[in-house]
Amino acid sequence: MKFEEIKLESGFVLYLQTDTLEDQEKRINCRYIGALPGKYLLATHPANTRLRTGQKLVVKAMIANGIAVFPVTVESVMKSPVSIVYFTYPPKISVKQIRSATRVNVNLAVNVKNNSQLTDAAVEGRLADLSTSGAKIELKDVVGEVGDELVLEASIQLGDIHRQMSLKSVIRARIDRSTKEQDEAFPAVYGLEFLNNDEDNRLLLQAYVYRQLAGV
């Protein structure tokens, strides 16, 4: 696939993987500025690392149907009037398609309310795994029965952006813990299917799942 086919807009976040050991634990990102086809990609310089001319990187970008991945080399770093990086133009990119059923393991704090019951009390817990179509939640207390409609509230981080995500879902299964499991802080475990959420929350969910799958 050609780079120009993914049609990145100025300001789009790019995630970088460097060849430097000290950077391997960092989540390094910059923002796409533009491109001179066949010549260069231009991006802002990442704030939490220092790039050097000749350095080879792998770039990941979250696009509508998956994760675009391509290698680049730092051609030049301009420091004034603003820090801009010139990357080599990728001859081609690969796109990893993400199916809605693809699940990732997470450990994300969540508050859950049951819309099918006459109570506003929320139950605390965590998301244990997550996809764009459903999740497994582990809660401190029972929240409902199979078929009940829930609302999940979670604070997520996307790069340097914090957002509050609110997802409507329905309980599809009550999962019994194995006797081998040692963590009893969250004894109530459920399998959920997400309902038709509004566009903003669907985009937040998709972006969060894709970031976890990409490891960025």
Protein backbone atom coordinates (compact mmCIF):
# COMPACT_ATOMS: atom_id res chain seq x y z
CA MET A 1 0.00 0.00 0.00
CA LYS A 2 1.27 3.48 -0.82
CA PHE A 3 1.66 6.08 1.92
CA GLU A 4 -0.54 8.62 0.17
CA GLU A 5 -3.45 6.15 0.16
CA ILE A 6 -3.97 6.46 3.93
CA LYS A 7 -4.56 10.22 3.50
CA LEU A 8 -3.16 11.49 6.80
CA GLU A 9 -4.20 15.00 7.74
CA SER A 10 -1.94 17.60 9.32
CA GLY A 11 -1.87 17.20 13.10
CA PHE A 12 -2.38 13.41 13.01
CA VAL A 13 -0.51 11.62 15.81
CA LEU A 14 2.33 9.30 14.80
CA TYR A 15 3.83 6.78 17.24
CA LEU A 16 7.56 6.09 17.01
CA GLN A 17 9.66 3.08 17.93
CA THR A 18 13.36 3.83 18.12
CA ASP A 19 16.45 1.65 18.09
CA THR A 20 17.63 3.12 21.40
CA LEU A 21 17.33 0.88 24.44
CA GLU A 22 16.62 3.76 26.81
CA ASP A 23 13.62 4.73 24.67
CA GLN A 24 12.03 1.27 24.52
CA GLU A 25 9.86 1.86 27.60
CA LYS A 26 8.70 5.28 26.40
CA ARG A 27 5.63 6.00 24.36
CA ILE A 28 7.10 8.38 21.83
CA ASN A 29 4.77 10.36 19.63
CA CYS A 30 4.84 13.33 17.32
CA ARG A 31 2.41 15.05 14.99
CA TYR A 32 2.35 14.73 11.23
CA ILE A 33 2.82 18.04 9.40
CA GLY A 34 2.84 17.04 5.76
CA ALA A 35 4.78 15.33 3.00
CA LEU A 36 6.67 15.95 -0.21
CA PRO A 37 5.71 12.79 -2.13
CA GLY A 38 8.69 10.61 -2.89
CA LYS A 39 11.01 12.84 -0.86
CA TYR A 40 10.16 13.57 2.79
CA LEU A 41 7.67 13.31 5.62
CA LEU A 42 7.58 16.27 8.00
CA ALA A 43 6.60 15.94 11.66
CA THR A 44 7.00 17.77 14.93
CA HIS A 45 9.93 16.66 17.07
CA PRO A 46 8.81 14.38 19.95
CA ALA A 47 9.03 16.05 23.33
CA ASN A 48 10.35 13.10 25.34
CA THR A 49 13.30 11.91 23.27
CA ARG A 50 16.03 13.23 21.00
CA LEU A 51 16.25 12.10 17.40
CA ARG A 52 19.46 12.19 15.38
CA THR A 53 20.21 12.28 11.68
CA GLY A 54 20.46 8.77 10.23
CA GLN A 55 18.41 7.17 13.01
CA LYS A 56 16.08 4.41 11.84
CA LEU A 57 12.55 4.29 13.25
CA VAL A 58 9.33 2.37 12.89
CA VAL A 59 6.24 4.55 12.67
CA LYS A 60 2.71 3.44 13.58
CA ALA A 61 -0.46 5.36 12.77
CA MET A 62 -4.01 4.49 13.85
CA ILE A 63 -6.19 4.69 10.75
CA ALA A 64 -9.86 3.91 10.22
CA ASN A 65 -9.48 0.23 9.35
CA GLY A 66 -6.41 -0.72 11.36
CA ILE A 67 -2.81 0.18 12.12
CA ALA A 68 -0.47 1.51 9.44
CA VAL A 69 3.19 0.57 9.98
CA PHE A 70 6.21 1.79 8.01
CA PRO A 71 9.97 2.32 8.49
CA VAL A 72 11.62 5.73 8.13
CA THR A 73 15.03 7.27 8.62
CA VAL A 74 15.68 10.69 10.13
CA GLU A 75 17.01 12.86 7.30
CA SER A 76 17.33 16.10 9.23
CA VAL A 77 16.22 17.89 12.39
CA MET A 78 15.35 21.58 12.20
CA LYS A 79 15.39 23.35 15.58
CA SER A 80 14.41 26.89 14.62
CA PRO A 81 11.95 28.57 14.54
CA VAL A 82 10.22 25.34 15.69
CA SER A 83 11.52 21.77 16.05
CA ILE A 84 10.67 19.82 12.90
CA VAL A 85 11.90 16.40 11.80
CA TYR A 86 12.39 15.40 8.17
CA PHE A 87 11.86 11.66 7.65
CA THR A 88 12.52 9.66 4.51
CA TYR A 89 9.37 9.06 2.47
CA PRO A 90 8.25 5.43 2.88
CA PRO A 91 8.11 3.53 -0.42
CA LYS A 92 5.26 1.44 0.94
CA ILE A 93 3.41 0.73 4.17
CA SER A 94 1.72 -2.28 5.71
CA VAL A 95 -1.71 -2.14 7.34
CA LYS A 96 -2.70 -4.51 10.11
CA GLN A 97 -6.45 -5.01 9.89
CA ILE A 98 -8.23 -5.02 13.25
CA ARG A 99 -11.31 -7.18 13.64
CA SER A 100 -13.97 -6.04 16.07
CA ALA A 101 -13.62 -9.33 17.95
CA THR A 102 -9.88 -8.91 18.57
CA ARG A 103 -9.43 -8.57 22.33
CA VAL A 104 -6.59 -7.10 24.33
CA ASN A 105 -5.76 -7.63 27.98
CA VAL A 106 -6.08 -4.43 29.99
CA ASN A 107 -6.26 -3.35 33.62
CA LEU A 108 -8.40 -0.25 33.48
CA ALA A 109 -10.36 1.14 36.43
CA VAL A 110 -14.08 1.42 35.72
CA ASN A 111 -17.31 2.46 37.46
CA VAL A 112 -20.43 0.59 36.41
CA LYS A 113 -24.11 1.52 36.78
CA ASN A 114 -27.10 -0.68 36.03
CA ASN A 115 -29.67 1.15 33.89
CA SER A 116 -32.15 -1.72 34.33
CA GLN A 117 -32.47 -1.17 38.07
CA LEU A 118 -33.92 1.76 40.00
CA THR A 119 -30.64 2.80 41.59
CA ASP A 120 -27.91 5.30 40.85
CA ALA A 121 -25.30 3.41 42.88
CA ALA A 122 -22.11 2.63 40.96
CA VAL A 123 -19.96 -0.47 41.44
CA GLU A 124 -16.18 -0.13 41.19
CA GLY A 125 -14.02 -2.56 39.31
CA ARG A 126 -11.78 -2.95 36.30
CA LEU A 127 -11.83 -3.92 32.65
CA ALA A 128 -9.87 -7.14 32.30
CA ASP A 129 -10.02 -7.49 28.52
CA LEU A 130 -11.50 -5.32 25.83
CA SER A 131 -12.43 -5.18 22.16
CA THR A 132 -14.45 -2.78 20.07
CA SER A 133 -17.48 -5.04 20.49
CA GLY A 134 -17.33 -6.19 24.11
CA ALA A 135 -15.37 -6.68 27.32
CA LYS A 136 -14.82 -8.71 30.44
CA ILE A 137 -15.27 -6.73 33.66
CA GLU A 138 -14.30 -7.69 37.19
CA LEU A 139 -16.24 -5.88 39.92
CA LYS A 140 -16.14 -5.56 43.70
CA ASP A 141 -19.83 -6.43 43.96
CA VAL A 142 -22.68 -7.90 41.95
CA VAL A 143 -24.08 -5.37 39.48
CA GLY A 144 -26.92 -7.22 37.73
CA GLU A 145 -28.19 -10.23 35.83
CA VAL A 146 -27.83 -11.49 32.27
CA GLY A 147 -29.73 -9.14 29.97
CA ASP A 148 -29.37 -6.04 32.15
CA GLU A 149 -28.13 -2.85 30.51
CA LEU A 150 -25.03 -1.26 32.05
CA VAL A 151 -23.13 1.99 31.62
CA LEU A 152 -19.34 1.84 32.00
CA GLU A 153 -17.38 4.97 32.90
CA ALA A 154 -13.59 4.93 32.52
CA SER A 155 -10.83 7.52 32.27
CA ILE A 156 -8.47 6.71 29.40
CA GLN A 157 -5.22 8.18 28.11
CA LEU A 158 -4.46 8.52 24.41
CA GLY A 159 -0.91 9.81 24.12
CA ASP A 160 -0.91 13.11 25.98
CA ILE A 161 -4.72 13.38 25.90
CA HIS A 162 -7.01 12.33 28.76
CA ARG A 163 -10.66 11.55 28.05
CA GLN A 164 -13.67 10.18 29.91
CA MET A 165 -15.23 7.24 28.07
CA SER A 166 -18.85 6.20 28.67
CA LEU A 167 -20.08 2.94 27.12
CA LYS A 168 -23.51 1.36 27.11
CA SER A 169 -23.45 -2.43 27.24
CA VAL A 170 -25.54 -5.47 28.06
CA ILE A 171 -24.60 -8.39 30.32
CA ARG A 172 -24.25 -11.54 28.22
CA ALA A 173 -22.71 -13.84 30.81
CA ARG A 174 -21.86 -14.14 34.51
CA ILE A 175 -18.45 -15.76 34.71
CA ASP A 176 -17.47 -17.98 37.64
CA ARG A 177 -13.94 -17.53 38.91
CA SER A 178 -11.66 -20.51 38.83
CA THR A 179 -10.59 -21.89 42.20
CA LYS A 180 -7.03 -21.37 40.99
CA GLU A 181 -7.49 -17.61 40.74
CA GLN A 182 -5.97 -15.80 43.67
CA ASP A 183 -7.38 -12.28 43.15
CA GLU A 184 -10.64 -12.11 45.10
CA ALA A 185 -10.76 -8.30 45.27
CA PHE A 186 -13.11 -8.43 42.27
CA PRO A 187 -15.34 -11.49 42.79
CA ALA A 188 -18.12 -10.54 40.34
CA VAL A 189 -17.05 -11.18 36.74
CA TYR A 190 -19.18 -10.49 33.65
CA GLY A 191 -18.96 -10.81 29.90
CA LEU A 192 -20.43 -7.76 28.13
CA GLU A 193 -21.52 -6.82 24.64
CA PHE A 194 -21.39 -3.13 23.72
CA LEU A 195 -24.56 -1.49 22.45
CA ASN A 196 -24.94 1.31 19.89
CA ASN A 197 -22.92 4.05 21.57
CA ASP A 198 -22.62 7.60 20.30
CA GLU A 199 -19.91 8.43 17.77
CA ASP A 200 -17.54 10.16 20.22
CA ASN A 201 -17.42 7.18 22.59
CA ARG A 202 -17.11 4.69 19.72
CA LEU A 203 -14.09 6.61 18.45
CA LEU A 204 -12.53 6.73 21.93
CA LEU A 205 -13.05 2.97 22.33
CA GLN A 206 -11.59 2.23 18.91
CA ALA A 207 -8.57 4.47 19.49
CA TYR A 208 -7.87 2.94 22.91
CA VAL A 209 -8.15 -0.66 21.66
CA TYR A 210 -5.95 0.07 18.64
CA ARG A 211 -3.29 1.68 20.83
CA GLN A 212 -3.18 -1.38 23.08
CA LEU A 213 -2.95 -3.72 20.09
CA ALA A 214 -0.17 -1.64 18.59
CA GLY A 215 1.70 -1.48 21.89
CA VAL A 216 1.99 2.31 21.79
